[in-house]
N, C-alpha and C. Protein backbone atom coordinates (compact mmCIF):
# COMPACT_ATOMS: atom_id res chain seq x y z
N MET A 1 202.35 174.31 142.62
CA MET A 1 202.23 174.45 141.29
C MET A 1 203.72 174.25 140.61
N PRO A 2 204.74 174.78 140.59
CA PRO A 2 206.21 174.23 140.28
C PRO A 2 206.14 172.91 140.58
N ALA A 3 206.15 172.29 141.49
CA ALA A 3 206.44 170.80 141.49
C ALA A 3 205.42 170.42 140.36
N ALA A 4 204.36 170.68 139.75
CA ALA A 4 203.79 170.03 138.89
C ALA A 4 203.81 170.49 137.32
N LYS A 5 204.39 171.37 137.28
CA LYS A 5 204.80 172.20 136.01
C LYS A 5 206.62 172.49 135.61
N LEU A 6 207.10 172.06 136.89
CA LEU A 6 208.71 172.70 136.30
C LEU A 6 209.35 171.24 136.64
N PRO A 7 210.41 170.80 135.78
CA PRO A 7 211.21 171.88 135.22
C PRO A 7 210.59 172.09 133.66
N PRO A 8 211.14 172.95 133.08
CA PRO A 8 210.33 173.69 131.52
C PRO A 8 210.91 172.74 130.67
N TYR A 9 210.40 172.84 129.60
CA TYR A 9 211.00 172.64 128.30
C TYR A 9 212.46 173.46 127.82
N PRO A 10 213.39 173.34 127.56
CA PRO A 10 213.67 172.04 127.17
C PRO A 10 214.36 170.93 127.95
N GLU A 11 214.42 171.39 129.43
CA GLU A 11 215.27 170.57 130.41
C GLU A 11 214.08 169.36 130.20
N ASN A 12 213.04 169.65 130.29
CA ASN A 12 211.99 168.40 130.54
C ASN A 12 211.45 168.39 128.78
N PRO A 13 211.62 167.69 128.32
CA PRO A 13 211.22 167.43 126.90
C PRO A 13 209.64 167.36 126.90
N SER A 14 209.21 167.16 128.04
CA SER A 14 207.32 166.90 128.15
C SER A 14 206.85 168.32 128.75
N GLY A 15 207.59 168.82 129.16
CA GLY A 15 207.25 170.12 129.92
C GLY A 15 206.27 171.18 128.82
N GLU A 16 205.38 171.35 129.85
CA GLU A 16 204.20 172.30 129.26
C GLU A 16 204.79 173.93 129.15
N LEU A 17 205.67 174.36 129.93
CA LEU A 17 206.13 175.88 129.72
C LEU A 17 207.62 175.70 129.40
N LEU A 18 208.05 177.03 128.98
CA LEU A 18 209.18 177.28 128.40
C LEU A 18 210.21 177.76 129.26
N GLU A 19 211.27 177.15 129.18
CA GLU A 19 212.43 178.05 130.24
C GLU A 19 212.19 179.43 129.87
N SER A 20 212.31 179.69 128.48
CA SER A 20 212.09 180.89 128.07
C SER A 20 211.72 181.87 128.90
N ASP A 21 210.70 181.38 129.56
CA ASP A 21 209.35 182.35 130.03
C ASP A 21 209.82 182.78 131.47
N PHE A 22 210.78 182.07 131.94
CA PHE A 22 211.47 181.98 133.39
C PHE A 22 212.59 182.59 133.50
N ARG A 23 213.18 182.94 132.21
CA ARG A 23 214.54 183.10 132.24
C ARG A 23 214.91 184.84 132.82
N GLY A 24 216.13 185.41 133.57
CA GLY A 24 215.60 186.50 134.11
C GLY A 24 214.90 187.00 134.94
N ARG A 25 213.84 185.90 135.30
CA ARG A 25 212.80 186.28 136.39
C ARG A 25 212.63 186.17 137.61
N GLN A 26 212.33 186.13 138.40
CA GLN A 26 211.97 185.45 139.70
C GLN A 26 210.89 184.76 140.00
N LEU A 27 210.75 183.75 140.46
CA LEU A 27 209.29 182.84 140.48
C LEU A 27 209.10 182.83 141.97
N VAL A 28 207.57 183.37 142.35
CA VAL A 28 207.27 183.25 143.43
C VAL A 28 206.16 182.27 143.42
N GLU A 29 206.22 181.46 144.18
CA GLU A 29 204.69 180.31 144.65
C GLU A 29 204.46 181.02 145.10
N ILE A 30 203.04 181.01 144.86
CA ILE A 30 201.79 181.05 146.46
C ILE A 30 201.48 180.02 146.98
N THR A 31 202.22 179.53 147.74
CA THR A 31 201.84 178.22 148.84
C THR A 31 200.05 178.44 149.31
N PRO A 32 199.38 177.09 149.46
CA PRO A 32 198.52 176.93 150.18
C PRO A 32 198.48 177.65 151.50
N ASP A 33 199.39 177.77 152.01
CA ASP A 33 199.69 178.20 153.89
C ASP A 33 199.11 180.24 153.35
N ARG A 34 199.17 180.68 152.05
CA ARG A 34 199.22 182.06 151.78
C ARG A 34 197.82 182.35 151.99
N PHE A 35 196.74 181.50 151.71
CA PHE A 35 195.22 181.84 151.77
C PHE A 35 194.53 181.62 152.96
N THR A 36 195.16 182.76 153.68
CA THR A 36 194.80 182.63 155.32
C THR A 36 192.86 183.85 155.32
N THR A 37 192.71 183.84 154.17
CA THR A 37 191.40 184.71 154.38
C THR A 37 190.24 183.96 153.69
N ARG A 38 189.32 183.97 153.47
CA ARG A 38 188.34 183.68 152.96
C ARG A 38 187.08 184.59 152.69
N ILE A 39 186.95 184.51 151.28
CA ILE A 39 186.17 185.51 150.69
C ILE A 39 184.89 184.62 149.88
N GLY A 40 183.58 184.38 150.14
CA GLY A 40 183.13 183.44 149.82
C GLY A 40 183.41 181.93 150.15
N GLY A 41 183.21 181.37 149.15
CA GLY A 41 183.89 179.61 149.44
C GLY A 41 185.02 179.54 148.84
N PHE A 42 185.69 180.76 148.90
CA PHE A 42 187.17 180.42 147.78
C PHE A 42 188.33 180.88 149.27
N GLY A 43 189.24 180.31 149.35
CA GLY A 43 190.28 180.66 150.27
C GLY A 43 191.26 181.74 149.28
N ALA A 44 191.53 183.55 150.10
CA ALA A 44 191.71 184.46 149.70
C ALA A 44 193.12 184.73 150.19
N HIS A 45 194.19 185.18 149.50
CA HIS A 45 195.26 185.96 149.56
C HIS A 45 195.42 187.23 148.90
N ASP A 46 195.43 188.12 150.31
CA ASP A 46 195.54 189.98 149.83
C ASP A 46 196.82 189.76 149.58
N PHE A 47 196.70 189.87 148.09
CA PHE A 47 198.50 190.04 147.41
C PHE A 47 199.23 191.30 147.92
N PHE A 48 198.54 192.78 148.16
CA PHE A 48 199.35 193.82 148.22
C PHE A 48 198.94 194.19 149.99
N GLY A 49 198.31 193.55 150.57
CA GLY A 49 198.20 193.88 152.14
C GLY A 49 197.32 194.84 152.09
N ASP A 50 196.55 195.42 151.18
CA ASP A 50 195.75 196.41 151.55
C ASP A 50 194.41 196.29 150.79
N GLY A 51 194.10 195.47 150.40
CA GLY A 51 192.70 194.75 149.98
C GLY A 51 192.18 195.38 149.05
N SER A 52 193.35 195.79 148.05
CA SER A 52 193.09 196.12 146.76
C SER A 52 192.71 194.78 145.48
N PHE A 53 193.73 193.90 146.11
CA PHE A 53 193.80 192.84 145.03
C PHE A 53 193.35 191.41 145.81
N TYR A 54 192.65 190.35 145.92
CA TYR A 54 193.09 189.09 145.97
C TYR A 54 192.89 188.18 145.43
N LEU A 55 194.39 187.19 145.64
CA LEU A 55 194.20 185.70 144.64
C LEU A 55 193.33 185.05 145.41
N LEU A 56 192.75 184.01 144.61
CA LEU A 56 191.70 182.93 145.07
C LEU A 56 192.05 181.91 145.07
N ASP A 57 192.21 180.76 145.77
CA ASP A 57 192.16 179.13 145.34
C ASP A 57 191.29 178.71 145.20
N VAL A 58 190.90 178.65 143.44
CA VAL A 58 189.94 178.12 142.95
C VAL A 58 190.28 176.87 142.11
N PRO A 59 190.36 175.76 143.18
CA PRO A 59 190.73 174.42 142.66
C PRO A 59 189.85 173.51 141.37
N GLY A 60 190.24 173.14 140.64
CA GLY A 60 189.87 171.98 139.79
C GLY A 60 189.98 171.75 138.35
N HIS A 61 190.51 172.93 137.93
CA HIS A 61 190.71 173.39 136.44
C HIS A 61 192.06 172.95 136.29
N ALA A 62 192.85 173.10 136.82
CA ALA A 62 194.65 172.58 136.81
C ALA A 62 195.32 173.08 138.51
N VAL A 63 196.06 172.22 138.37
CA VAL A 63 196.73 172.04 139.79
C VAL A 63 197.53 173.66 139.66
N GLY A 64 196.87 174.22 141.09
CA GLY A 64 197.23 175.45 141.41
C GLY A 64 196.44 176.51 140.66
N HIS A 65 195.39 176.20 140.43
CA HIS A 65 194.73 177.13 139.94
C HIS A 65 194.14 178.40 140.74
N MET A 66 194.29 179.42 140.17
CA MET A 66 193.81 180.85 141.00
C MET A 66 193.32 181.81 140.27
N CYS A 67 192.07 182.60 140.91
CA CYS A 67 191.77 183.65 140.08
C CYS A 67 191.76 185.14 140.96
N GLY A 68 191.64 186.03 140.16
CA GLY A 68 192.03 187.51 140.86
C GLY A 68 191.11 188.30 141.17
N LEU A 69 190.65 188.69 142.18
CA LEU A 69 189.44 189.53 142.76
C LEU A 69 190.19 190.89 143.01
N ALA A 70 189.76 191.91 141.86
CA ALA A 70 190.21 193.55 142.01
C ALA A 70 189.39 194.30 142.67
N ARG A 71 189.67 195.23 143.42
CA ARG A 71 188.72 196.11 143.67
C ARG A 71 188.85 197.45 142.90
N THR A 72 187.52 197.62 141.91
CA THR A 72 187.52 198.81 141.16
C THR A 72 187.32 199.71 141.72
N THR A 73 186.33 200.16 142.83
CA THR A 73 186.12 201.33 143.51
C THR A 73 185.93 200.98 144.66
N ALA A 74 186.27 201.93 145.42
CA ALA A 74 186.32 201.80 146.98
C ALA A 74 184.61 202.51 147.90
N THR A 75 184.32 203.52 146.51
CA THR A 75 183.07 204.10 147.38
C THR A 75 181.90 204.15 146.13
N PRO A 76 181.38 203.34 146.16
CA PRO A 76 180.83 201.87 146.88
C PRO A 76 181.76 201.09 146.68
N ASP A 77 181.92 199.76 147.27
CA ASP A 77 182.82 198.91 146.90
C ASP A 77 182.45 197.93 145.86
N THR A 78 183.47 198.12 144.90
CA THR A 78 182.96 197.05 143.41
C THR A 78 184.23 196.32 143.00
N PHE A 79 183.80 195.29 142.62
CA PHE A 79 184.96 194.16 142.17
C PHE A 79 185.11 193.77 140.61
N ILE A 80 186.22 193.07 140.02
CA ILE A 80 186.17 192.17 138.90
C ILE A 80 186.89 191.13 139.55
N LEU A 81 185.83 190.15 139.18
CA LEU A 81 186.60 188.63 139.48
C LEU A 81 187.13 188.19 138.15
N MET A 82 187.99 188.16 137.82
CA MET A 82 189.07 187.58 136.69
C MET A 82 188.91 185.89 137.17
N ALA A 83 188.05 185.47 136.36
CA ALA A 83 187.76 184.25 136.87
C ALA A 83 188.52 183.09 136.14
N ALA A 84 189.59 183.67 135.31
CA ALA A 84 190.28 182.79 134.83
C ALA A 84 189.53 181.48 134.05
N ASP A 85 190.04 180.33 134.48
CA ASP A 85 189.15 178.90 133.36
C ASP A 85 188.65 178.23 134.45
N THR A 86 187.97 178.95 135.57
CA THR A 86 186.73 178.27 136.10
C THR A 86 185.98 177.87 135.03
N CYS A 87 185.64 178.57 134.43
CA CYS A 87 184.40 178.20 133.16
C CYS A 87 185.16 178.53 132.24
N HIS A 88 184.20 178.43 131.19
CA HIS A 88 184.73 178.37 129.50
C HIS A 88 183.60 178.84 128.67
N HIS A 89 182.64 179.09 129.43
CA HIS A 89 181.23 179.44 128.40
C HIS A 89 180.57 180.13 129.51
N GLY A 90 179.56 181.26 129.39
CA GLY A 90 178.62 181.75 130.31
C GLY A 90 177.48 180.70 130.65
N GLY A 91 177.25 179.88 129.55
CA GLY A 91 176.44 178.54 130.19
C GLY A 91 177.23 177.66 131.49
N GLN A 92 178.25 177.91 131.82
CA GLN A 92 178.58 176.70 132.26
C GLN A 92 178.48 177.29 134.00
N PHE A 93 177.81 178.79 134.08
CA PHE A 93 177.62 178.77 135.17
C PHE A 93 176.17 179.91 135.47
N ARG A 94 175.60 180.16 134.55
CA ARG A 94 174.32 180.68 134.33
C ARG A 94 173.22 179.73 133.65
N PRO A 95 172.19 180.00 134.10
CA PRO A 95 171.23 180.51 135.24
C PRO A 95 171.92 179.76 136.35
N SER A 96 171.87 180.53 137.73
CA SER A 96 171.67 179.45 138.77
C SER A 96 170.52 180.10 139.98
N PRO A 97 170.71 179.32 140.79
CA PRO A 97 169.75 179.57 142.06
C PRO A 97 169.63 181.13 142.08
N TYR A 98 170.84 181.59 142.53
CA TYR A 98 170.68 182.85 142.57
C TYR A 98 170.80 184.09 141.71
N GLN A 99 171.01 183.46 140.71
CA GLN A 99 170.99 184.23 139.24
C GLN A 99 170.00 183.71 138.66
N PRO A 100 168.76 183.58 138.32
CA PRO A 100 167.53 182.82 137.55
C PRO A 100 167.41 183.34 136.27
N LEU A 101 167.32 182.87 135.45
CA LEU A 101 166.86 183.17 133.95
C LEU A 101 165.71 184.07 134.01
N PRO A 102 165.46 185.60 133.96
CA PRO A 102 164.35 186.39 134.37
C PRO A 102 163.51 185.70 133.00
N GLU A 103 162.46 185.76 133.13
CA GLU A 103 160.75 185.75 132.39
C GLU A 103 161.12 186.46 130.93
N GLU A 104 161.75 187.39 131.06
CA GLU A 104 161.66 188.74 130.12
C GLU A 104 163.49 188.92 130.15
N ILE A 105 164.27 188.62 129.21
CA ILE A 105 165.49 188.94 128.96
C ILE A 105 165.76 190.79 128.47
N VAL A 106 166.55 191.14 129.29
CA VAL A 106 166.85 192.57 128.94
C VAL A 106 167.96 193.01 129.20
N PRO A 107 168.84 193.14 128.22
CA PRO A 107 168.47 193.48 126.78
C PRO A 107 168.48 192.13 126.20
N ASN A 108 167.93 192.50 125.16
CA ASN A 108 167.96 191.29 124.30
C ASN A 108 169.30 190.45 124.05
N PRO A 109 169.68 189.41 124.22
CA PRO A 109 170.87 189.00 123.30
C PRO A 109 171.19 188.70 122.28
N TYR A 110 169.74 188.82 121.41
CA TYR A 110 170.06 188.80 119.77
C TYR A 110 170.10 189.95 119.30
N ASP A 111 170.10 191.06 119.89
CA ASP A 111 169.99 192.28 119.59
C ASP A 111 171.59 193.30 120.08
N ASP A 112 172.23 193.95 119.13
CA ASP A 112 173.00 194.69 119.10
C ASP A 112 172.86 196.19 119.47
N HIS A 113 171.80 196.93 119.60
CA HIS A 113 171.63 197.65 119.90
C HIS A 113 171.85 198.46 121.25
N ASP A 114 172.02 199.51 121.35
CA ASP A 114 172.32 200.27 122.75
C ASP A 114 171.09 201.03 123.34
N ASP A 115 170.06 200.97 122.61
CA ASP A 115 168.85 201.40 122.93
C ASP A 115 167.83 200.22 123.50
N HIS A 116 168.31 199.69 124.86
CA HIS A 116 167.68 198.58 125.60
C HIS A 116 165.91 198.96 125.47
N GLN A 117 165.55 200.13 125.79
CA GLN A 117 164.53 200.42 126.05
C GLN A 117 163.34 200.61 124.85
N THR A 118 164.06 200.51 123.38
CA THR A 118 162.99 200.40 122.42
C THR A 118 163.24 198.98 121.57
N THR A 119 164.21 198.46 121.98
CA THR A 119 164.62 196.81 121.68
C THR A 119 163.67 196.28 122.13
N PRO A 120 162.69 195.27 121.98
CA PRO A 120 162.04 194.08 122.53
C PRO A 120 162.56 193.39 123.23
N SER A 121 162.30 192.51 124.16
CA SER A 121 163.10 191.56 125.40
C SER A 121 163.06 190.28 124.68
N CYS A 122 163.83 189.45 124.75
CA CYS A 122 163.76 187.96 124.60
C CYS A 122 163.08 186.89 125.54
N PRO A 123 161.92 186.43 125.13
CA PRO A 123 161.09 185.51 126.21
C PRO A 123 161.97 184.30 126.55
N CYS A 124 161.89 184.02 127.92
CA CYS A 124 163.27 182.99 128.20
C CYS A 124 162.70 181.57 127.97
N ARG A 125 161.23 181.54 127.61
CA ARG A 125 160.82 180.07 127.58
C ARG A 125 161.13 179.39 126.60
N ILE A 126 161.75 180.30 125.28
CA ILE A 126 162.65 179.40 124.25
C ILE A 126 164.08 179.09 124.20
N PHE A 127 164.73 178.99 125.65
CA PHE A 127 165.59 178.19 125.83
C PHE A 127 165.43 177.09 126.50
N GLU A 128 164.02 176.60 126.87
CA GLU A 128 163.71 175.63 127.45
C GLU A 128 164.05 174.19 127.16
N ARG A 129 163.51 174.23 125.68
CA ARG A 129 163.59 173.18 124.90
C ARG A 129 165.17 172.74 124.66
N ILE A 130 166.34 173.55 124.99
CA ILE A 130 167.36 173.26 124.59
C ILE A 130 168.32 173.15 125.81
N HIS A 131 167.18 173.25 127.02
CA HIS A 131 168.02 172.84 128.24
C HIS A 131 168.30 171.17 128.73
N PRO A 132 169.71 170.69 129.28
CA PRO A 132 169.33 169.17 129.38
C PRO A 132 168.44 168.62 130.67
N ASP A 133 167.92 169.56 131.29
CA ASP A 133 166.92 169.52 132.72
C ASP A 133 165.85 170.44 132.20
N PRO A 134 164.94 170.27 131.21
CA PRO A 134 164.21 171.24 130.77
C PRO A 134 163.30 172.07 131.93
N ALA A 135 163.12 171.00 133.19
CA ALA A 135 162.38 171.46 134.20
C ALA A 135 163.13 172.16 135.44
N LYS A 136 164.15 172.85 135.17
CA LYS A 136 165.41 173.70 136.12
C LYS A 136 165.70 174.47 134.63
N TYR A 137 165.34 174.80 133.96
CA TYR A 137 165.88 175.54 132.52
C TYR A 137 166.22 176.76 133.18
N ARG A 138 165.66 177.45 133.95
CA ARG A 138 165.73 178.51 134.24
C ARG A 138 166.95 178.79 135.67
N THR A 139 166.65 178.07 136.24
CA THR A 139 167.76 177.99 137.71
C THR A 139 169.12 176.85 137.65
N GLU A 140 169.47 176.18 136.12
CA GLU A 140 170.38 175.30 136.25
C GLU A 140 171.44 176.09 135.04
N PRO A 141 172.54 175.67 135.02
CA PRO A 141 173.71 176.38 134.14
C PRO A 141 172.91 175.37 132.79
N PHE A 142 173.59 175.41 131.60
CA PHE A 142 173.29 174.56 130.25
C PHE A 142 174.02 173.79 130.04
N TYR A 143 175.59 174.19 130.89
CA TYR A 143 176.77 172.91 130.25
C TYR A 143 177.13 172.48 131.92
N ARG A 144 177.83 171.23 131.75
CA ARG A 144 178.63 170.70 132.75
C ARG A 144 179.76 170.50 132.33
N ILE A 145 180.79 170.14 133.46
CA ILE A 145 182.13 170.05 132.72
C ILE A 145 181.87 168.37 132.15
N ARG A 146 182.66 168.35 130.66
CA ARG A 146 182.44 167.27 129.71
C ARG A 146 183.84 166.13 130.58
N VAL A 147 183.13 164.76 130.72
CA VAL A 147 184.22 163.94 130.84
C VAL A 147 184.12 163.21 129.73
N ASN A 148 184.92 162.59 129.15
CA ASN A 148 185.09 161.83 127.94
C ASN A 148 184.90 160.35 128.51
N GLU A 149 185.01 159.61 127.62
CA GLU A 149 184.63 158.31 127.49
C GLU A 149 185.75 157.63 128.39
N ASP A 150 187.14 157.90 128.03
CA ASP A 150 188.10 157.51 128.70
C ASP A 150 188.74 158.08 129.93
N ARG A 151 187.46 158.63 130.64
CA ARG A 151 187.37 159.66 132.50
C ARG A 151 188.72 160.78 131.77
N THR A 152 189.03 160.89 130.93
CA THR A 152 189.81 162.54 130.77
C THR A 152 188.78 163.45 130.67
N SER A 153 189.64 164.46 131.09
CA SER A 153 188.45 165.75 130.98
C SER A 153 189.17 166.88 130.89
N VAL A 154 188.86 168.33 130.57
CA VAL A 154 189.42 169.30 130.61
C VAL A 154 189.73 170.19 131.96
N ALA A 155 189.21 169.41 132.72
CA ALA A 155 189.08 169.69 134.49
C ALA A 155 189.92 169.03 135.06
N TYR A 156 191.34 168.91 135.43
CA TYR A 156 192.52 168.20 136.55
C TYR A 156 191.51 167.17 137.60
N ASP A 157 190.33 168.00 138.21
CA ASP A 157 189.44 167.66 139.21
C ASP A 157 188.24 167.98 139.00
N VAL A 158 187.70 167.16 138.32
CA VAL A 158 186.25 167.64 138.19
C VAL A 158 185.30 167.99 138.76
N GLU A 159 185.39 167.26 140.12
CA GLU A 159 184.38 167.62 141.33
C GLU A 159 185.20 168.53 142.05
N ALA A 160 186.27 168.79 141.99
CA ALA A 160 186.46 170.29 142.48
C ALA A 160 186.04 171.47 141.94
N ALA A 161 186.46 171.06 140.48
CA ALA A 161 185.70 172.21 139.59
C ALA A 161 184.32 172.46 139.53
N THR A 162 183.77 171.20 139.79
CA THR A 162 182.08 171.77 140.02
C THR A 162 182.17 172.59 140.99
N ARG A 163 182.52 172.17 142.44
CA ARG A 163 182.25 173.07 143.45
C ARG A 163 182.87 174.88 143.04
N SER A 164 183.74 174.79 142.53
CA SER A 164 184.14 175.86 141.89
C SER A 164 183.02 176.96 141.64
N ILE A 165 182.54 176.37 140.75
CA ILE A 165 181.55 176.73 139.56
C ILE A 165 180.47 177.38 140.63
N ARG A 166 180.12 176.23 141.81
CA ARG A 166 178.94 176.71 142.46
C ARG A 166 179.25 178.03 143.07
N HIS A 167 180.66 178.18 143.65
CA HIS A 167 181.16 179.47 144.48
C HIS A 167 181.01 180.61 143.70
N LEU A 168 181.61 180.26 142.41
CA LEU A 168 181.10 180.95 141.73
C LEU A 168 180.01 181.65 141.12
N GLN A 169 178.95 181.06 141.37
CA GLN A 169 177.84 181.39 141.22
C GLN A 169 177.48 182.44 141.56
N GLU A 170 177.65 182.31 143.39
CA GLU A 170 177.60 183.08 144.71
C GLU A 170 178.33 184.73 143.90
N PHE A 171 179.46 184.87 143.87
CA PHE A 171 180.08 185.92 143.27
C PHE A 171 179.43 186.86 142.14
N ASP A 172 178.62 185.86 141.20
CA ASP A 172 177.91 186.48 140.11
C ASP A 172 176.85 186.95 140.84
N ALA A 173 176.25 186.59 141.42
CA ALA A 173 174.68 187.34 141.86
C ALA A 173 175.01 188.69 142.73
N ALA A 174 176.15 188.45 143.37
CA ALA A 174 176.49 190.15 143.71
C ALA A 174 176.38 191.19 142.73
N GLU A 175 175.40 191.93 143.06
CA GLU A 175 175.98 193.34 142.43
C GLU A 175 176.80 194.16 142.20
N ASN A 176 177.51 194.01 143.22
CA ASN A 176 178.85 194.69 143.06
C ASN A 176 180.17 194.01 142.34
N VAL A 177 180.02 193.10 141.93
CA VAL A 177 180.69 191.92 141.49
C VAL A 177 180.87 191.52 139.66
N PHE A 178 181.92 191.70 139.10
CA PHE A 178 181.53 191.68 137.33
C PHE A 178 182.47 190.53 137.70
N VAL A 179 182.09 189.17 137.06
CA VAL A 179 182.35 187.91 136.80
C VAL A 179 182.97 188.06 135.31
N VAL A 180 184.21 188.18 135.10
CA VAL A 180 184.76 187.78 133.86
C VAL A 180 185.86 186.49 133.76
N CYS A 181 185.41 185.56 132.56
CA CYS A 181 186.13 184.34 132.76
C CYS A 181 186.91 184.67 131.20
N ALA A 182 188.24 183.44 131.39
CA ALA A 182 189.26 183.78 130.40
C ALA A 182 188.56 183.67 128.66
N HIS A 183 187.79 183.23 128.22
CA HIS A 183 187.58 182.90 127.48
C HIS A 183 185.65 183.09 126.80
N ASP A 184 185.63 183.96 127.86
CA ASP A 184 184.40 184.32 127.11
C ASP A 184 183.62 185.76 126.18
N ALA A 185 184.11 184.72 125.23
CA ALA A 185 183.91 185.72 123.93
C ALA A 185 182.47 186.73 123.38
N SER A 186 181.60 186.38 124.84
CA SER A 186 180.19 187.49 124.53
C SER A 186 180.51 188.42 124.72
N LEU A 187 181.74 188.79 125.71
CA LEU A 187 181.68 189.99 126.77
C LEU A 187 182.56 191.31 125.18
N LEU A 188 182.84 190.50 124.03
CA LEU A 188 183.34 191.56 122.62
C LEU A 188 182.02 192.57 122.34
N GLY A 189 182.55 193.83 122.80
CA GLY A 189 181.42 194.94 122.57
C GLY A 189 180.68 194.96 123.32
N VAL A 190 181.26 194.58 124.90
CA VAL A 190 180.56 194.93 126.00
C VAL A 190 181.27 195.98 126.35
N VAL A 191 182.57 195.47 126.90
CA VAL A 191 183.70 195.73 127.78
C VAL A 191 184.83 196.57 127.01
N ASP A 192 185.13 197.59 127.69
CA ASP A 192 186.32 198.42 127.16
C ASP A 192 187.53 197.55 127.32
N VAL A 193 188.37 197.60 126.46
CA VAL A 193 190.01 196.70 126.81
C VAL A 193 190.95 197.51 127.18
N PHE A 194 192.11 197.02 127.37
CA PHE A 194 193.41 197.69 127.25
C PHE A 194 193.69 198.74 125.76
N PRO A 195 193.82 199.48 126.45
CA PRO A 195 195.09 200.55 127.46
C PRO A 195 193.56 201.28 128.56
N ALA A 196 192.42 201.15 127.92
CA ALA A 196 191.31 201.38 128.88
C ALA A 196 190.64 200.69 129.79
N ARG A 197 190.40 201.93 131.30
CA ARG A 197 190.18 201.61 132.36
C ARG A 197 189.22 200.89 132.52
N VAL A 198 189.02 199.69 133.54
CA VAL A 198 187.62 199.07 133.81
C VAL A 198 186.52 199.67 135.37
N ASN A 199 187.52 200.94 135.92
CA ASN A 199 186.86 201.03 137.45
C ASN A 199 185.34 201.57 136.92
N GLY A 200 185.05 201.56 135.84
CA GLY A 200 183.60 202.17 135.50
C GLY A 200 182.64 201.44 135.45
N TRP A 201 183.06 199.83 135.25
CA TRP A 201 181.92 199.05 134.83
C TRP A 201 180.48 198.94 135.37
N LYS A 202 180.50 199.32 136.22
CA LYS A 202 179.13 199.29 137.15
C LYS A 202 178.18 200.64 136.44
N ASP A 203 178.47 201.44 136.70
CA ASP A 203 177.93 202.82 136.03
C ASP A 203 177.54 202.89 134.57
N ALA A 204 178.97 201.61 133.71
CA ALA A 204 178.33 201.74 132.38
C ALA A 204 177.52 200.35 132.24
N GLY A 205 177.12 200.02 133.38
CA GLY A 205 176.13 198.75 132.94
C GLY A 205 176.77 197.48 132.30
N TRP A 206 178.03 197.47 132.25
CA TRP A 206 178.40 195.77 131.75
C TRP A 206 178.15 194.78 132.08
N LYS A 207 177.87 194.82 133.36
CA LYS A 207 177.11 193.43 133.87
C LYS A 207 175.76 193.06 133.59
N GLU A 208 175.04 194.27 133.29
CA GLU A 208 173.99 193.71 132.75
C GLU A 208 173.43 193.55 131.44
N ARG A 209 174.53 194.33 130.55
CA ARG A 209 174.45 194.00 129.17
C ARG A 209 174.82 193.08 128.69
N GLY A 210 176.47 192.05 129.53
CA GLY A 210 176.71 190.85 128.99
C GLY A 210 176.21 189.51 129.64
N LYS A 211 175.46 190.05 130.58
CA LYS A 211 175.13 188.96 131.77
C LYS A 211 174.45 187.33 130.76
N TRP A 212 173.60 188.10 130.05
CA TRP A 212 173.36 186.92 129.22
C TRP A 212 173.48 186.88 127.94
N ARG A 213 174.43 187.35 127.34
CA ARG A 213 174.77 187.32 126.02
C ARG A 213 174.97 186.16 125.23
N PHE A 214 175.73 185.40 125.99
CA PHE A 214 176.10 183.98 125.82
C PHE A 214 174.99 183.09 125.45
N LEU A 215 173.95 183.56 125.79
CA LEU A 215 172.27 182.81 124.95
C LEU A 215 172.21 183.07 123.70
N ARG A 216 172.98 184.11 122.75
CA ARG A 216 173.18 184.34 121.22
C ARG A 216 173.75 182.71 120.44
N ASP A 217 174.48 182.24 121.58
CA ASP A 217 175.27 181.30 120.69
C ASP A 217 174.56 180.30 120.39
N TRP A 218 173.43 180.09 121.01
CA TRP A 218 172.38 178.85 120.16
C TRP A 218 171.12 179.58 119.00
N ASP A 219 170.81 178.70 118.23
CA ASP A 219 170.18 179.36 117.12
C ASP A 219 168.91 178.31 117.47
N VAL A 220 168.23 178.93 118.55
CA VAL A 220 166.70 178.27 119.25
C VAL A 220 165.15 178.98 118.35
N GLY A 221 165.52 179.38 117.11
CA GLY A 221 164.18 179.38 116.32
C GLY A 221 164.43 180.66 115.78
N PRO A 222 163.36 181.20 114.69
CA PRO A 222 163.33 182.30 114.10
C PRO A 222 163.38 183.66 114.54
N ALA A 223 163.41 184.70 113.97
CA ALA A 223 163.91 185.75 114.84
C ALA A 223 162.59 186.70 115.51
N ASP A 224 161.39 186.31 114.89
CA ASP A 224 160.29 186.81 115.56
C ASP A 224 159.80 186.19 116.78
N GLU A 225 160.58 184.68 117.15
CA GLU A 225 160.29 184.35 118.63
C GLU A 225 161.24 184.73 119.32
N ARG A 226 162.42 185.13 118.77
CA ARG A 226 163.37 185.62 120.03
C ARG A 226 163.01 187.21 120.56
N ARG A 227 161.90 187.65 120.07
CA ARG A 227 161.74 188.87 120.45
C ARG A 227 159.85 188.66 121.26
N ALA A 228 159.71 189.40 122.63
CA ALA A 228 158.40 189.45 123.32
C ALA A 228 157.90 190.28 122.67
């Protein structure tokens, strides 16, 4: 990563980082040889050596792109996977073969009520019409990584980034792992934010409440069609 991003601006007029970001701080590079463990499809580095926090080697988005897997409880084991820029929208990794779109979506992504027992569910069939591959609308993501006509992309390595998304889907299917991407605005109103703690995410039902909330980004029909 340092070789790709340093020296910083203004020493390097084209630098993407600022010299002031490093002033008075020690820069520690996590080199590829540190990822000696394997968790799912990713190389992992046990940062503190006690199994509480792992850095994951998740290539594709940028040179040296990493994610953080934090243990939130020990009994039972639960984790939050801070997926950084592996994805930029829930529709890039959901649904998946491991996490298919259910026939009836509960809680309804178009409702903000906390009482999911009395709120009508949302029929998944309404999303078939907007899926790029309607035959697979329940098992394949709605979005793929865009590649522009000039072959540029938000991803440094599109093929590697696509593989990383596939591995992310495996984590997403685990009941004890809560996947949070850096730009997932759909989780606003679902998760508690700093200075609150996130250790109780599973008991609070954050994963179930937030899983399909990204679907509200699309206007797929009148309100009565969005309720079963």
